């Protein structure tokens, strides 16, 4: 189980060298969308700081996502799995 901050999702891969100016930047192709995220955190509380940092950089659509066993889950599901 981990949380990350998604900063973008596009139907085509962005070829520019880290257009988001974010490090580390992880790119995953999920259901035909290239999803760009940053950070791996063990709790929502830890992830909020990174999300706020991304928003302050101008990535106002940044939001927290959660993954369990490699599959995306809702934040509610993730919180239930943690308990």
N, C-alpha and C. Protein backbone atom coordinates (compact mmCIF):
# COMPACT_ATOMS: atom_id res chain seq x y z
N UNK A 1 0.85 -1.17 0.00
CA UNK A 1 0.00 0.00 0.00
C UNK A 1 0.89 1.23 0.00
N UNK A 2 0.61 2.14 -0.95
CA UNK A 2 1.30 3.42 -0.91
C UNK A 2 0.43 4.50 -1.54
N UNK A 3 0.78 5.73 -1.20
CA UNK A 3 0.09 6.90 -1.72
C UNK A 3 1.08 7.69 -2.57
N UNK A 4 0.56 8.41 -3.56
CA UNK A 4 1.39 9.24 -4.42
C UNK A 4 0.57 10.46 -4.84
N UNK A 5 1.23 11.42 -5.45
CA UNK A 5 0.55 12.62 -5.93
C UNK A 5 0.54 12.60 -7.45
N UNK A 6 -0.64 12.51 -8.03
CA UNK A 6 -0.76 12.53 -9.48
C UNK A 6 -0.78 13.98 -9.93
N UNK A 7 0.09 14.30 -10.92
CA UNK A 7 0.20 15.67 -11.40
C UNK A 7 -0.32 15.83 -12.83
N UNK A 8 -0.63 14.73 -13.50
CA UNK A 8 -1.16 14.83 -14.85
C UNK A 8 -1.53 13.48 -15.43
N UNK A 9 -2.42 13.49 -16.43
CA UNK A 9 -2.81 12.28 -17.15
C UNK A 9 -3.16 12.68 -18.58
N UNK A 10 -2.58 11.96 -19.55
CA UNK A 10 -2.75 12.31 -20.95
C UNK A 10 -2.91 11.06 -21.78
N UNK A 11 -3.60 11.18 -22.91
CA UNK A 11 -3.79 10.03 -23.80
C UNK A 11 -2.53 9.70 -24.58
N UNK A 12 -1.61 10.67 -24.71
CA UNK A 12 -0.34 10.44 -25.38
C UNK A 12 0.80 10.80 -24.44
N UNK A 13 1.90 10.11 -24.58
CA UNK A 13 3.07 10.38 -23.77
C UNK A 13 3.62 11.77 -24.08
N UNK A 14 4.01 12.48 -23.07
CA UNK A 14 4.61 13.79 -23.26
C UNK A 14 6.10 13.58 -23.52
N UNK A 15 6.58 14.04 -24.65
CA UNK A 15 7.97 13.81 -25.04
C UNK A 15 8.94 14.79 -24.42
N UNK A 16 8.47 15.94 -23.98
CA UNK A 16 9.37 16.94 -23.40
C UNK A 16 10.05 16.39 -22.16
N UNK A 17 11.26 16.82 -21.93
CA UNK A 17 12.04 16.36 -20.78
C UNK A 17 11.45 16.93 -19.49
N UNK A 18 10.68 16.11 -18.81
CA UNK A 18 10.05 16.47 -17.53
C UNK A 18 9.38 17.84 -17.58
N UNK A 19 8.36 17.93 -18.39
CA UNK A 19 7.61 19.17 -18.58
C UNK A 19 7.05 19.70 -17.26
N UNK A 20 6.89 18.84 -16.27
CA UNK A 20 6.33 19.26 -14.99
C UNK A 20 7.36 19.87 -14.06
N UNK A 21 8.65 19.72 -14.38
CA UNK A 21 9.74 20.20 -13.53
C UNK A 21 9.60 19.62 -12.11
N UNK A 22 9.36 18.31 -12.05
CA UNK A 22 9.14 17.59 -10.80
C UNK A 22 10.11 16.41 -10.75
N UNK A 23 10.68 16.20 -9.58
CA UNK A 23 11.57 15.06 -9.40
C UNK A 23 11.30 14.45 -8.03
N UNK A 24 11.17 13.16 -7.92
CA UNK A 24 11.13 12.18 -9.01
C UNK A 24 9.77 12.20 -9.70
N UNK A 25 9.76 11.85 -10.97
CA UNK A 25 8.53 11.78 -11.75
C UNK A 25 8.36 10.35 -12.25
N UNK A 26 7.23 9.76 -11.93
CA UNK A 26 6.93 8.38 -12.34
C UNK A 26 5.84 8.43 -13.41
N UNK A 27 6.04 7.66 -14.48
CA UNK A 27 5.07 7.61 -15.57
C UNK A 27 4.55 6.18 -15.68
N UNK A 28 3.22 6.03 -15.62
CA UNK A 28 2.60 4.71 -15.77
C UNK A 28 1.53 4.80 -16.84
N UNK A 29 1.47 3.80 -17.70
CA UNK A 29 0.41 3.72 -18.70
C UNK A 29 -0.68 2.83 -18.12
N UNK A 30 -1.80 3.46 -17.78
CA UNK A 30 -2.92 2.74 -17.16
C UNK A 30 -4.16 2.97 -18.01
N UNK A 31 -4.71 1.88 -18.53
CA UNK A 31 -5.93 1.93 -19.35
C UNK A 31 -5.81 2.96 -20.47
N UNK A 32 -4.65 3.00 -21.13
CA UNK A 32 -4.47 3.89 -22.26
C UNK A 32 -4.14 5.33 -21.92
N UNK A 33 -4.00 5.64 -20.64
CA UNK A 33 -3.62 6.99 -20.22
C UNK A 33 -2.23 6.97 -19.61
N UNK A 34 -1.43 7.96 -19.95
CA UNK A 34 -0.12 8.13 -19.33
C UNK A 34 -0.33 8.99 -18.09
N UNK A 35 -0.12 8.36 -16.93
CA UNK A 35 -0.33 9.06 -15.67
C UNK A 35 1.01 9.40 -15.04
N UNK A 36 1.14 10.67 -14.68
CA UNK A 36 2.38 11.20 -14.13
C UNK A 36 2.17 11.48 -12.64
N UNK A 37 3.07 10.92 -11.83
CA UNK A 37 2.94 11.11 -10.39
C UNK A 37 4.32 11.29 -9.77
N UNK A 38 4.31 11.70 -8.51
CA UNK A 38 5.56 11.92 -7.79
C UNK A 38 5.42 11.48 -6.34
N UNK A 39 6.46 10.83 -5.85
CA UNK A 39 6.52 10.43 -4.45
C UNK A 39 5.85 9.11 -4.15
N UNK A 40 6.39 8.46 -3.13
CA UNK A 40 5.78 7.24 -2.58
C UNK A 40 5.72 7.44 -1.07
N UNK A 41 4.51 7.43 -0.56
CA UNK A 41 4.28 7.73 0.85
C UNK A 41 3.44 6.63 1.49
N UNK A 42 3.56 6.49 2.79
CA UNK A 42 2.83 5.44 3.52
C UNK A 42 1.53 5.93 4.15
N UNK A 43 1.28 7.24 4.15
CA UNK A 43 0.04 7.75 4.72
C UNK A 43 -0.43 8.98 3.94
N UNK A 44 -1.71 9.27 4.05
CA UNK A 44 -2.28 10.45 3.39
C UNK A 44 -1.64 11.70 3.97
N UNK A 45 -1.44 11.73 5.29
CA UNK A 45 -0.88 12.90 5.94
C UNK A 45 0.49 13.27 5.35
N UNK A 46 1.34 12.27 5.11
CA UNK A 46 2.65 12.53 4.50
C UNK A 46 2.49 13.06 3.07
N UNK A 47 1.52 12.54 2.36
CA UNK A 47 1.32 12.86 0.95
C UNK A 47 0.78 14.28 0.76
N UNK A 48 0.03 14.78 1.74
CA UNK A 48 -0.57 16.12 1.63
C UNK A 48 0.51 17.18 1.43
N UNK A 49 1.64 17.06 2.14
CA UNK A 49 2.73 18.03 1.98
C UNK A 49 3.21 18.08 0.54
N UNK A 50 3.41 16.91 -0.07
CA UNK A 50 3.89 16.86 -1.46
C UNK A 50 2.84 17.44 -2.41
N UNK A 51 1.57 17.12 -2.16
CA UNK A 51 0.49 17.67 -2.99
C UNK A 51 0.49 19.19 -2.92
N UNK A 52 0.59 19.74 -1.73
CA UNK A 52 0.61 21.19 -1.56
C UNK A 52 1.82 21.81 -2.25
N UNK A 53 2.96 21.13 -2.21
CA UNK A 53 4.17 21.60 -2.89
C UNK A 53 3.92 21.67 -4.40
N UNK A 54 3.27 20.64 -4.95
CA UNK A 54 2.98 20.62 -6.38
C UNK A 54 2.02 21.74 -6.78
N UNK A 55 1.03 21.97 -5.95
CA UNK A 55 0.06 23.05 -6.21
C UNK A 55 0.77 24.39 -6.18
N UNK A 56 1.71 24.57 -5.24
CA UNK A 56 2.44 25.84 -5.16
C UNK A 56 3.35 26.04 -6.37
N UNK A 57 3.72 24.95 -7.07
CA UNK A 57 4.52 25.04 -8.29
C UNK A 57 3.65 25.32 -9.51
N UNK A 58 2.33 25.42 -9.30
CA UNK A 58 1.43 25.72 -10.40
C UNK A 58 0.68 24.52 -10.94
N UNK A 59 0.91 23.35 -10.38
CA UNK A 59 0.20 22.14 -10.80
C UNK A 59 -1.08 22.00 -9.98
N UNK A 60 -2.01 22.92 -10.25
CA UNK A 60 -3.20 23.06 -9.41
C UNK A 60 -4.13 21.85 -9.44
N UNK A 61 -3.97 20.98 -10.43
CA UNK A 61 -4.81 19.78 -10.52
C UNK A 61 -4.22 18.59 -9.79
N UNK A 62 -3.11 18.78 -9.07
CA UNK A 62 -2.46 17.68 -8.35
C UNK A 62 -3.41 17.11 -7.29
N UNK A 63 -3.42 15.78 -7.19
CA UNK A 63 -4.26 15.14 -6.18
C UNK A 63 -3.62 13.83 -5.72
N UNK A 64 -4.08 13.35 -4.59
CA UNK A 64 -3.53 12.14 -3.96
C UNK A 64 -4.23 10.91 -4.52
N UNK A 65 -3.42 9.90 -4.85
CA UNK A 65 -3.96 8.61 -5.26
C UNK A 65 -3.34 7.52 -4.39
N UNK A 66 -3.97 6.37 -4.37
CA UNK A 66 -3.49 5.25 -3.55
C UNK A 66 -3.41 3.99 -4.40
N UNK A 67 -2.42 3.15 -4.09
CA UNK A 67 -2.24 1.88 -4.79
C UNK A 67 -2.08 0.77 -3.77
N UNK A 68 -2.74 -0.34 -4.04
CA UNK A 68 -2.64 -1.52 -3.18
C UNK A 68 -2.37 -2.72 -4.08
N UNK A 69 -1.29 -3.42 -3.83
CA UNK A 69 -0.87 -4.55 -4.67
C UNK A 69 -0.82 -4.17 -6.15
N UNK A 70 -0.35 -2.96 -6.43
CA UNK A 70 -0.20 -2.51 -7.81
C UNK A 70 -1.45 -1.99 -8.47
N UNK A 71 -2.57 -2.03 -7.78
CA UNK A 71 -3.85 -1.57 -8.33
C UNK A 71 -4.29 -0.29 -7.64
N UNK A 72 -4.82 0.65 -8.43
CA UNK A 72 -5.32 1.89 -7.87
C UNK A 72 -6.57 1.62 -7.05
N UNK A 73 -6.64 2.20 -5.86
CA UNK A 73 -7.82 2.10 -4.99
C UNK A 73 -8.20 3.50 -4.55
N UNK A 74 -9.42 3.65 -4.08
CA UNK A 74 -9.85 4.96 -3.58
C UNK A 74 -9.16 5.25 -2.25
N UNK A 75 -9.13 6.50 -1.87
CA UNK A 75 -8.53 6.88 -0.59
C UNK A 75 -9.32 6.24 0.56
N UNK A 76 -10.63 6.17 0.41
CA UNK A 76 -11.47 5.52 1.43
C UNK A 76 -11.09 4.05 1.59
N UNK A 77 -10.95 3.36 0.44
CA UNK A 77 -10.53 1.93 0.50
C UNK A 77 -9.16 1.79 1.12
N UNK A 78 -8.25 2.69 0.76
CA UNK A 78 -6.88 2.63 1.30
C UNK A 78 -6.90 2.81 2.80
N UNK A 79 -7.67 3.77 3.29
CA UNK A 79 -7.75 4.00 4.74
C UNK A 79 -8.34 2.78 5.46
N UNK A 80 -9.28 2.11 4.83
CA UNK A 80 -9.87 0.90 5.43
C UNK A 80 -8.86 -0.23 5.47
N UNK A 81 -8.02 -0.32 4.43
CA UNK A 81 -7.00 -1.38 4.36
C UNK A 81 -5.88 -1.16 5.38
N UNK A 82 -5.62 0.10 5.71
CA UNK A 82 -4.55 0.42 6.66
C UNK A 82 -4.91 -0.02 8.07
N UNK A 83 -6.19 0.13 8.42
CA UNK A 83 -6.64 -0.14 9.80
C UNK A 83 -6.54 -1.60 10.15
